[in-house]
Amino acid sequence: MTLQTLLNVTTHIFHPLGFNAEPLSISLVAAGLILLLIVAVGGMAYGLFKAVKAVPNLTTKQFILALLLIAVFMVVIGIILP
């Protein structure tokens, strides 16, 4: 659902009450995006914590494989970004 669609629906619902729905729809979208950002950052922090705990237990081959995967991931992100 786009922001304009949400605005149209909420305006249609709240119009008889004389309520301006635009600030409400924008604040709901902003709150949702902030919540998604918090969950993403928390997930990354949790994953990094688990990875740091696992590194001392890795064999040399597993460690080199992990570094290769990180390098490939960085190259792919570098190609996709521009």
PDB file of N, CA and C in Angstrom:
ATOM      1  N   MET A   1       0.852  -1.170   0.000  1.00  0.00           N
ATOM      2  CA  MET A   1       0.000   0.000   0.000  1.00  0.00           C
ATOM      3  C   MET A   1       0.898   1.233   0.000  1.00  0.00           C
ATOM      4  N   THR A   2       0.627   2.127  -0.927  1.00  0.00           N
ATOM      5  CA  THR A   2       1.418   3.348  -0.978  1.00  0.00           C
ATOM      6  C   THR A   2       0.884   4.355   0.029  1.00  0.00           C
ATOM      7  N   LEU A   3       1.686   5.363   0.278  1.00  0.00           N
ATOM      8  CA  LEU A   3       1.280   6.406   1.223  1.00  0.00           C
ATOM      9  C   LEU A   3       0.039   7.138   0.714  1.00  0.00           C
ATOM     10  N   GLN A   4      -0.050   7.360  -0.582  1.00  0.00           N
ATOM     11  CA  GLN A   4      -1.209   8.051  -1.140  1.00  0.00           C
ATOM     12  C   GLN A   4      -2.480   7.219  -0.976  1.00  0.00           C
ATOM     13  N   THR A   5      -2.382   5.896  -1.164  1.00  0.00           N
ATOM     14  CA  THR A   5      -3.535   5.027  -0.971  1.00  0.00           C
ATOM     15  C   THR A   5      -3.986   5.035   0.483  1.00  0.00           C
ATOM     16  N   LEU A   6      -3.012   4.952   1.397  1.00  0.00           N
ATOM     17  CA  LEU A   6      -3.345   5.023   2.816  1.00  0.00           C
ATOM     18  C   LEU A   6      -4.013   6.347   3.153  1.00  0.00           C
ATOM     19  N   LEU A   7      -3.504   7.433   2.590  1.00  0.00           N
ATOM     20  CA  LEU A   7      -4.091   8.748   2.822  1.00  0.00           C
ATOM     21  C   LEU A   7      -5.520   8.808   2.284  1.00  0.00           C
ATOM     22  N   ASN A   8      -5.755   8.255   1.103  1.00  0.00           N
ATOM     23  CA  ASN A   8      -7.105   8.266   0.529  1.00  0.00           C
ATOM     24  C   ASN A   8      -8.087   7.471   1.386  1.00  0.00           C
ATOM     25  N   VAL A   9      -7.653   6.312   1.863  1.00  0.00           N
ATOM     26  CA  VAL A   9      -8.535   5.476   2.679  1.00  0.00           C
ATOM     27  C   VAL A   9      -8.844   6.152   4.007  1.00  0.00           C
ATOM     28  N   THR A  10      -7.818   6.665   4.683  1.00  0.00           N
ATOM     29  CA  THR A  10      -8.053   7.291   5.983  1.00  0.00           C
ATOM     30  C   THR A  10      -8.839   8.588   5.840  1.00  0.00           C
ATOM     31  N   THR A  11      -8.602   9.325   4.767  1.00  0.00           N
ATOM     32  CA  THR A  11      -9.386  10.545   4.545  1.00  0.00           C
ATOM     33  C   THR A  11     -10.853  10.195   4.322  1.00  0.00           C
ATOM     34  N   HIS A  12     -11.104   9.131   3.569  1.00  0.00           N
ATOM     35  CA  HIS A  12     -12.480   8.706   3.313  1.00  0.00           C
ATOM     36  C   HIS A  12     -13.165   8.282   4.614  1.00  0.00           C
ATOM     37  N   ILE A  13     -12.435   7.623   5.492  1.00  0.00           N
ATOM     38  CA  ILE A  13     -13.017   7.154   6.755  1.00  0.00           C
ATOM     39  C   ILE A  13     -13.270   8.320   7.706  1.00  0.00           C
ATOM     40  N   PHE A  14     -12.285   9.218   7.844  1.00  0.00           N
ATOM     41  CA  PHE A  14     -12.367  10.285   8.844  1.00  0.00           C
ATOM     42  C   PHE A  14     -12.974  11.582   8.324  1.00  0.00           C
ATOM     43  N   HIS A  15     -13.320  11.669   7.029  1.00  0.00           N
ATOM     44  CA  HIS A  15     -13.859  12.915   6.475  1.00  0.00           C
ATOM     45  C   HIS A  15     -15.155  13.358   7.156  1.00  0.00           C
ATOM     46  N   PRO A  16     -16.105  12.451   7.441  1.00  0.00           N
ATOM     47  CA  PRO A  16     -17.330  12.912   8.116  1.00  0.00           C
ATOM     48  C   PRO A  16     -17.073  13.512   9.499  1.00  0.00           C
ATOM     49  N   LEU A  17     -15.982  13.148  10.136  1.00  0.00           N
ATOM     50  CA  LEU A  17     -15.673  13.688  11.453  1.00  0.00           C
ATOM     51  C   LEU A  17     -14.892  14.994  11.379  1.00  0.00           C
ATOM     52  N   GLY A  18     -14.496  15.401  10.191  1.00  0.00           N
ATOM     53  CA  GLY A  18     -13.713  16.625  10.037  1.00  0.00           C
ATOM     54  C   GLY A  18     -12.283  16.453  10.520  1.00  0.00           C
ATOM     55  N   PHE A  19     -11.759  15.236  10.428  1.00  0.00           N
ATOM     56  CA  PHE A  19     -10.417  14.913  10.925  1.00  0.00           C
ATOM     57  C   PHE A  19      -9.452  14.882   9.751  1.00  0.00           C
ATOM     58  N   ASN A  20      -8.318  15.583   9.877  1.00  0.00           N
ATOM     59  CA  ASN A  20      -7.298  15.564   8.834  1.00  0.00           C
ATOM     60  C   ASN A  20      -6.437  14.323   9.028  1.00  0.00           C
ATOM     61  N   ALA A  21      -6.470  13.407   8.065  1.00  0.00           N
ATOM     62  CA  ALA A  21      -5.807  12.117   8.214  1.00  0.00           C
ATOM     63  C   ALA A  21      -4.368  12.114   7.718  1.00  0.00           C
ATOM     64  N   GLU A  22      -3.943  13.168   7.037  1.00  0.00           N
ATOM     65  CA  GLU A  22      -2.590  13.165   6.472  1.00  0.00           C
ATOM     66  C   GLU A  22      -1.504  13.049   7.543  1.00  0.00           C
ATOM     67  N   PRO A  23      -1.540  13.843   8.619  1.00  0.00           N
ATOM     68  CA  PRO A  23      -0.495  13.664   9.636  1.00  0.00           C
ATOM     69  C   PRO A  23      -0.525  12.280  10.286  1.00  0.00           C
ATOM     70  N   LEU A  24      -1.709  11.717  10.452  1.00  0.00           N
ATOM     71  CA  LEU A  24      -1.829  10.382  11.037  1.00  0.00           C
ATOM     72  C   LEU A  24      -1.191   9.340  10.127  1.00  0.00           C
ATOM     73  N   SER A  25      -1.469   9.406   8.833  1.00  0.00           N
ATOM     74  CA  SER A  25      -0.918   8.411   7.910  1.00  0.00           C
ATOM     75  C   SER A  25       0.598   8.541   7.806  1.00  0.00           C
ATOM     76  N   ILE A  26       1.101   9.749   7.778  1.00  0.00           N
ATOM     77  CA  ILE A  26       2.550   9.944   7.705  1.00  0.00           C
ATOM     78  C   ILE A  26       3.225   9.451   8.983  1.00  0.00           C
ATOM     79  N   SER A  27       2.615   9.724  10.121  1.00  0.00           N
ATOM     80  CA  SER A  27       3.220   9.276  11.378  1.00  0.00           C
ATOM     81  C   SER A  27       3.179   7.756  11.508  1.00  0.00           C
ATOM     82  N   LEU A  28       2.134   7.094  11.008  1.00  0.00           N
ATOM     83  CA  LEU A  28       2.084   5.629  11.041  1.00  0.00           C
ATOM     84  C   LEU A  28       3.163   5.020  10.156  1.00  0.00           C
ATOM     85  N   VAL A  29       3.355   5.586   8.970  1.00  0.00           N
ATOM     86  CA  VAL A  29       4.397   5.087   8.076  1.00  0.00           C
ATOM     87  C   VAL A  29       5.769   5.320   8.696  1.00  0.00           C
ATOM     88  N   ALA A  30       5.994   6.492   9.277  1.00  0.00           N
ATOM     89  CA  ALA A  30       7.277   6.789   9.908  1.00  0.00           C
ATOM     90  C   ALA A  30       7.540   5.849  11.085  1.00  0.00           C
ATOM     91  N   ALA A  31       6.529   5.594  11.895  1.00  0.00           N
ATOM     92  CA  ALA A  31       6.699   4.682  13.035  1.00  0.00           C
ATOM     93  C   ALA A  31       7.016   3.268  12.559  1.00  0.00           C
ATOM     94  N   GLY A  32       6.371   2.832  11.497  1.00  0.00           N
ATOM     95  CA  GLY A  32       6.656   1.510  10.940  1.00  0.00           C
ATOM     96  C   GLY A  32       8.070   1.403  10.408  1.00  0.00           C
ATOM     97  N   LEU A  33       8.528   2.429   9.707  1.00  0.00           N
ATOM     98  CA  LEU A  33       9.892   2.415   9.187  1.00  0.00           C
ATOM     99  C   LEU A  33      10.923   2.436  10.312  1.00  0.00           C
ATOM    100  N   ILE A  34      10.661   3.209  11.346  1.00  0.00           N
ATOM    101  CA  ILE A  34      11.573   3.254  12.491  1.00  0.00           C
ATOM    102  C   ILE A  34      11.626   1.897  13.180  1.00  0.00           C
ATOM    103  N   LEU A  35      10.480   1.242  13.324  1.00  0.00           N
ATOM    104  CA  LEU A  35      10.438  -0.083  13.937  1.00  0.00           C
ATOM    105  C   LEU A  35      11.213  -1.097  13.098  1.00  0.00           C
ATOM    106  N   LEU A  36      11.056  -1.049  11.776  1.00  0.00           N
ATOM    107  CA  LEU A  36      11.815  -1.941  10.905  1.00  0.00           C
ATOM    108  C   LEU A  36      13.313  -1.694  11.023  1.00  0.00           C
ATOM    109  N   LEU A  37      13.717  -0.441  11.129  1.00  0.00           N
ATOM    110  CA  LEU A  37      15.127  -0.102  11.271  1.00  0.00           C
ATOM    111  C   LEU A  37      15.680  -0.639  12.592  1.00  0.00           C
ATOM    112  N   ILE A  38      14.920  -0.498  13.668  1.00  0.00           N
ATOM    113  CA  ILE A  38      15.357  -0.997  14.970  1.00  0.00           C
ATOM    114  C   ILE A  38      15.511  -2.515  14.935  1.00  0.00           C
ATOM    115  N   VAL A  39      14.570  -3.205  14.330  1.00  0.00           N
ATOM    116  CA  VAL A  39      14.649  -4.670  14.239  1.00  0.00           C
ATOM    117  C   VAL A  39      15.856  -5.082  13.392  1.00  0.00           C
ATOM    118  N   ALA A  40      16.108  -4.387  12.283  1.00  0.00           N
ATOM    119  CA  ALA A  40      17.246  -4.715  11.421  1.00  0.00           C
ATOM    120  C   ALA A  40      18.572  -4.494  12.147  1.00  0.00           C
ATOM    121  N   VAL A  41      18.700  -3.376  12.845  1.00  0.00           N
ATOM    122  CA  VAL A  41      19.939  -3.101  13.578  1.00  0.00           C
ATOM    123  C   VAL A  41      20.128  -4.115  14.704  1.00  0.00           C
ATOM    124  N   GLY A  42      19.064  -4.444  15.403  1.00  0.00           N
ATOM    125  CA  GLY A  42      19.150  -5.448  16.461  1.00  0.00           C
ATOM    126  C   GLY A  42      19.539  -6.814  15.920  1.00  0.00           C
ATOM    127  N   GLY A  43      18.987  -7.182  14.781  1.00  0.00           N
ATOM    128  CA  GLY A  43      19.340  -8.457  14.158  1.00  0.00           C
ATOM    129  C   GLY A  43      20.792  -8.498  13.725  1.00  0.00           C
ATOM    130  N   MET A  44      21.280  -7.390  13.172  1.00  0.00           N
ATOM    131  CA  MET A  44      22.692  -7.337  12.772  1.00  0.00           C
ATOM    132  C   MET A  44      23.604  -7.410  13.989  1.00  0.00           C
ATOM    133  N   ALA A  45      23.255  -6.701  15.049  1.00  0.00           N
ATOM    134  CA  ALA A  45      24.074  -6.730  16.256  1.00  0.00           C
ATOM    135  C   ALA A  45      24.090  -8.136  16.856  1.00  0.00           C
ATOM    136  N   TYR A  46      22.946  -8.786  16.880  1.00  0.00           N
ATOM    137  CA  TYR A  46      22.872 -10.154  17.402  1.00  0.00           C
ATOM    138  C   TYR A  46      23.719 -11.105  16.549  1.00  0.00           C
ATOM    139  N   GLY A  47      23.610 -10.969  15.234  1.00  0.00           N
ATOM    140  CA  GLY A  47      24.393 -11.814  14.335  1.00  0.00           C
ATOM    141  C   GLY A  47      25.888 -11.583  14.482  1.00  0.00           C
ATOM    142  N   LEU A  48      26.293 -10.324  14.623  1.00  0.00           N
ATOM    143  CA  LEU A  48      27.715 -10.033  14.813  1.00  0.00           C
ATOM    144  C   LEU A  48      28.215 -10.602  16.137  1.00  0.00           C
ATOM    145  N   PHE A  49      27.408 -10.497  17.174  1.00  0.00           N
ATOM    146  CA  PHE A  49      27.782 -11.062  18.476  1.00  0.00           C
ATOM    147  C   PHE A  49      27.970 -12.571  18.377  1.00  0.00           C
ATOM    148  N   LYS A  50      27.039 -13.239  17.701  1.00  0.00           N
ATOM    149  CA  LYS A  50      27.147 -14.691  17.537  1.00  0.00           C
ATOM    150  C   LYS A  50      28.372 -15.046  16.695  1.00  0.00           C
ATOM    151  N   ALA A  51      28.663 -14.239  15.672  1.00  0.00           N
ATOM    152  CA  ALA A  51      29.818 -14.515  14.816  1.00  0.00           C
ATOM    153  C   ALA A  51      31.125 -14.339  15.583  1.00  0.00           C
ATOM    154  N   VAL A  52      31.217 -13.298  16.406  1.00  0.00           N
ATOM    155  CA  VAL A  52      32.431 -13.066  17.188  1.00  0.00           C
ATOM    156  C   VAL A  52      32.647 -14.194  18.196  1.00  0.00           C
ATOM    157  N   LYS A  53      31.566 -14.720  18.748  1.00  0.00           N
ATOM    158  CA  LYS A  53      31.693 -15.839  19.682  1.00  0.00           C
ATOM    159  C   LYS A  53      32.125 -17.116  18.967  1.00  0.00           C
ATOM    160  N   ALA A  54      31.757 -17.276  17.695  1.00  0.00           N
ATOM    161  CA  ALA A  54      32.048 -18.511  16.972  1.00  0.00           C
ATOM    162  C   ALA A  54      33.450 -18.519  16.369  1.00  0.00           C
ATOM    163  N   VAL A  55      34.066 -17.358  16.132  1.00  0.00           N
ATOM    164  CA  VAL A  55      35.358 -17.300  15.448  1.00  0.00           C
ATOM    165  C   VAL A  55      36.447 -18.091  16.175  1.00  0.00           C
ATOM    166  N   PRO A  56      36.591 -18.010  17.495  1.00  0.00           N
ATOM    167  CA  PRO A  56      37.667 -18.788  18.136  1.00  0.00           C
ATOM    168  C   PRO A  56      37.514 -20.304  17.989  1.00  0.00           C
ATOM    169  N   ASN A  57      36.306 -20.770  17.712  1.00  0.00           N
ATOM    170  CA  ASN A  57      36.068 -22.206  17.586  1.00  0.00           C
ATOM    171  C   ASN A  57      36.212 -22.709  16.146  1.00  0.00           C
ATOM    172  N   LEU A  58      36.489 -21.825  15.203  1.00  0.00           N
ATOM    173  CA  LEU A  58      36.586 -22.220  13.799  1.00  0.00           C
ATOM    174  C   LEU A  58      37.954 -22.833  13.508  1.00  0.00           C
ATOM    175  N   THR A  59      37.945 -23.787  12.569  1.00  0.00           N
ATOM    176  CA  THR A  59      39.218 -24.289  12.063  1.00  0.00           C
ATOM    177  C   THR A  59      39.759 -23.276  11.065  1.00  0.00           C
ATOM    178  N   THR A  60      40.995 -23.476  10.628  1.00  0.00           N
ATOM    179  CA  THR A  60      41.606 -22.545   9.679  1.00  0.00           C
ATOM    180  C   THR A  60      40.825 -22.517   8.367  1.00  0.00           C
ATOM    181  N   LYS A  61      40.398 -23.677   7.875  1.00  0.00           N
ATOM    182  CA  LYS A  61      39.638 -23.741   6.619  1.00  0.00           C
ATOM    183  C   LYS A  61      38.295 -23.012   6.762  1.00  0.00           C
ATOM    184  N   GLN A  62      37.630 -23.198   7.879  1.00  0.00           N
ATOM    185  CA  GLN A  62      36.343 -22.524   8.090  1.00  0.00           C
ATOM    186  C   GLN A  62      36.532 -21.018   8.189  1.00  0.00           C
ATOM    187  N   PHE A  63      37.611 -20.580   8.835  1.00  0.00           N
ATOM    188  CA  PHE A  63      37.875 -19.150   8.961  1.00  0.00           C
ATOM    189  C   PHE A  63      38.158 -18.527   7.602  1.00  0.00           C
ATOM    190  N   ILE A  64      38.972 -19.205   6.783  1.00  0.00           N
ATOM    191  CA  ILE A  64      39.268 -18.693   5.436  1.00  0.00           C
ATOM    192  C   ILE A  64      38.002 -18.677   4.592  1.00  0.00           C
ATOM    193  N   LEU A  65      37.169 -19.694   4.712  1.00  0.00           N
ATOM    194  CA  LEU A  65      35.901 -19.725   3.982  1.00  0.00           C
ATOM    195  C   LEU A  65      34.989 -18.579   4.415  1.00  0.00           C
ATOM    196  N   ALA A  66      34.949 -18.295   5.704  1.00  0.00           N
ATOM    197  CA  ALA A  66      34.143 -17.177   6.203  1.00  0.00           C
ATOM    198  C   ALA A  66      34.664 -15.856   5.650  1.00  0.00           C
ATOM    199  N   LEU A  67      35.985 -15.679   5.603  1.00  0.00           N
ATOM    200  CA  LEU A  67      36.555 -14.453   5.036  1.00  0.00           C
ATOM    201  C   LEU A  67      36.248 -14.339   3.546  1.00  0.00           C
ATOM    202  N   LEU A  68      36.289 -15.469   2.823  1.00  0.00           N
ATOM    203  CA  LEU A  68      35.941 -15.447   1.403  1.00  0.00           C
ATOM    204  C   LEU A  68      34.476 -15.065   1.197  1.00  0.00           C
ATOM    205  N   LEU A  69      33.593 -15.605   2.020  1.00  0.00           N
ATOM    206  CA  LEU A  69      32.174 -15.260   1.904  1.00  0.00           C
ATOM    207  C   LEU A  69      31.938 -13.778   2.179  1.00  0.00           C
ATOM    208  N   ILE A  70      32.625 -13.241   3.174  1.00  0.00           N
ATOM    209  CA  ILE A  70      32.498 -11.816   3.470  1.00  0.00           C
ATOM    210  C   ILE A  70      33.013 -10.989   2.291  1.00  0.00           C
ATOM    211  N   ALA A  71      34.147 -11.401   1.706  1.00  0.00           N
ATOM    212  CA  ALA A  71      34.716 -10.676   0.569  1.00  0.00           C
ATOM    213  C   ALA A  71      33.772 -10.708  -0.631  1.00  0.00           C
ATOM    214  N   VAL A  72      33.194 -11.865  -0.915  1.00  0.00           N
ATOM    215  CA  VAL A  72      32.254 -11.979  -2.038  1.00  0.00           C
ATOM    216  C   VAL A  72      31.025 -11.115  -1.783  1.00  0.00           C
ATOM    217  N   PHE A  73      30.531 -11.139  -0.556  1.00  0.00           N
ATOM    218  CA  PHE A  73      29.375 -10.309  -0.203  1.00  0.00           C
ATOM    219  C   PHE A  73      29.685  -8.827  -0.418  1.00  0.00           C
ATOM    220  N   MET A  74      30.873  -8.398  -0.008  1.00  0.00           N
ATOM    221  CA  MET A  74      31.246  -6.997  -0.175  1.00  0.00           C
ATOM    222  C   MET A  74      31.373  -6.616  -1.647  1.00  0.00           C
ATOM    223  N   VAL A  75      31.906  -7.519  -2.467  1.00  0.00           N
ATOM    224  CA  VAL A  75      32.021  -7.249  -3.908  1.00  0.00           C
ATOM    225  C   VAL A  75      30.642  -7.149  -4.542  1.00  0.00           C
ATOM    226  N   VAL A  76      29.751  -8.055  -4.183  1.00  0.00           N
ATOM    227  CA  VAL A  76      28.391  -8.031  -4.746  1.00  0.00           C
ATOM    228  C   VAL A  76      27.673  -6.737  -4.345  1.00  0.00           C
ATOM    229  N   ILE A  77      27.780  -6.339  -3.097  1.00  0.00           N
ATOM    230  CA  ILE A  77      27.154  -5.086  -2.646  1.00  0.00           C
ATOM    231  C   ILE A  77      27.770  -3.903  -3.384  1.00  0.00           C
ATOM    232  N   GLY A  78      29.083  -3.939  -3.584  1.00  0.00           N
ATOM    233  CA  GLY A  78      29.760  -2.864  -4.316  1.00  0.00           C
ATOM    234  C   GLY A  78      29.309  -2.763  -5.757  1.00  0.00           C
ATOM    235  N   ILE A  79      28.969  -3.905  -6.365  1.00  0.00           N
ATOM    236  CA  ILE A  79      28.479  -3.895  -7.760  1.00  0.00           C
ATOM    237  C   ILE A  79      27.036  -3.403  -7.810  1.00  0.00           C
ATOM    238  N   ILE A  80      26.223  -3.801  -6.843  1.00  0.00           N
ATOM    239  CA  ILE A  80      24.796  -3.463  -6.860  1.00  0.00           C
ATOM    240  C   ILE A  80      24.554  -1.995  -6.537  1.00  0.00           C
ATOM    241  N   LEU A  81      25.339  -1.404  -5.623  1.00  0.00           N
ATOM    242  CA  LEU A  81      25.074  -0.050  -5.139  1.00  0.00           C
ATOM    243  C   LEU A  81      25.035   1.030  -6.226  1.00  0.00           C
ATOM    244  N   PRO A  82      25.990   1.074  -7.136  1.00  0.00           N
ATOM    245  CA  PRO A  82      25.914   2.183  -8.112  1.00  0.00           C
ATOM    246  C   PRO A  82      24.740   1.984  -9.023  1.00  0.00           C
TER     247      PRO A  82
END
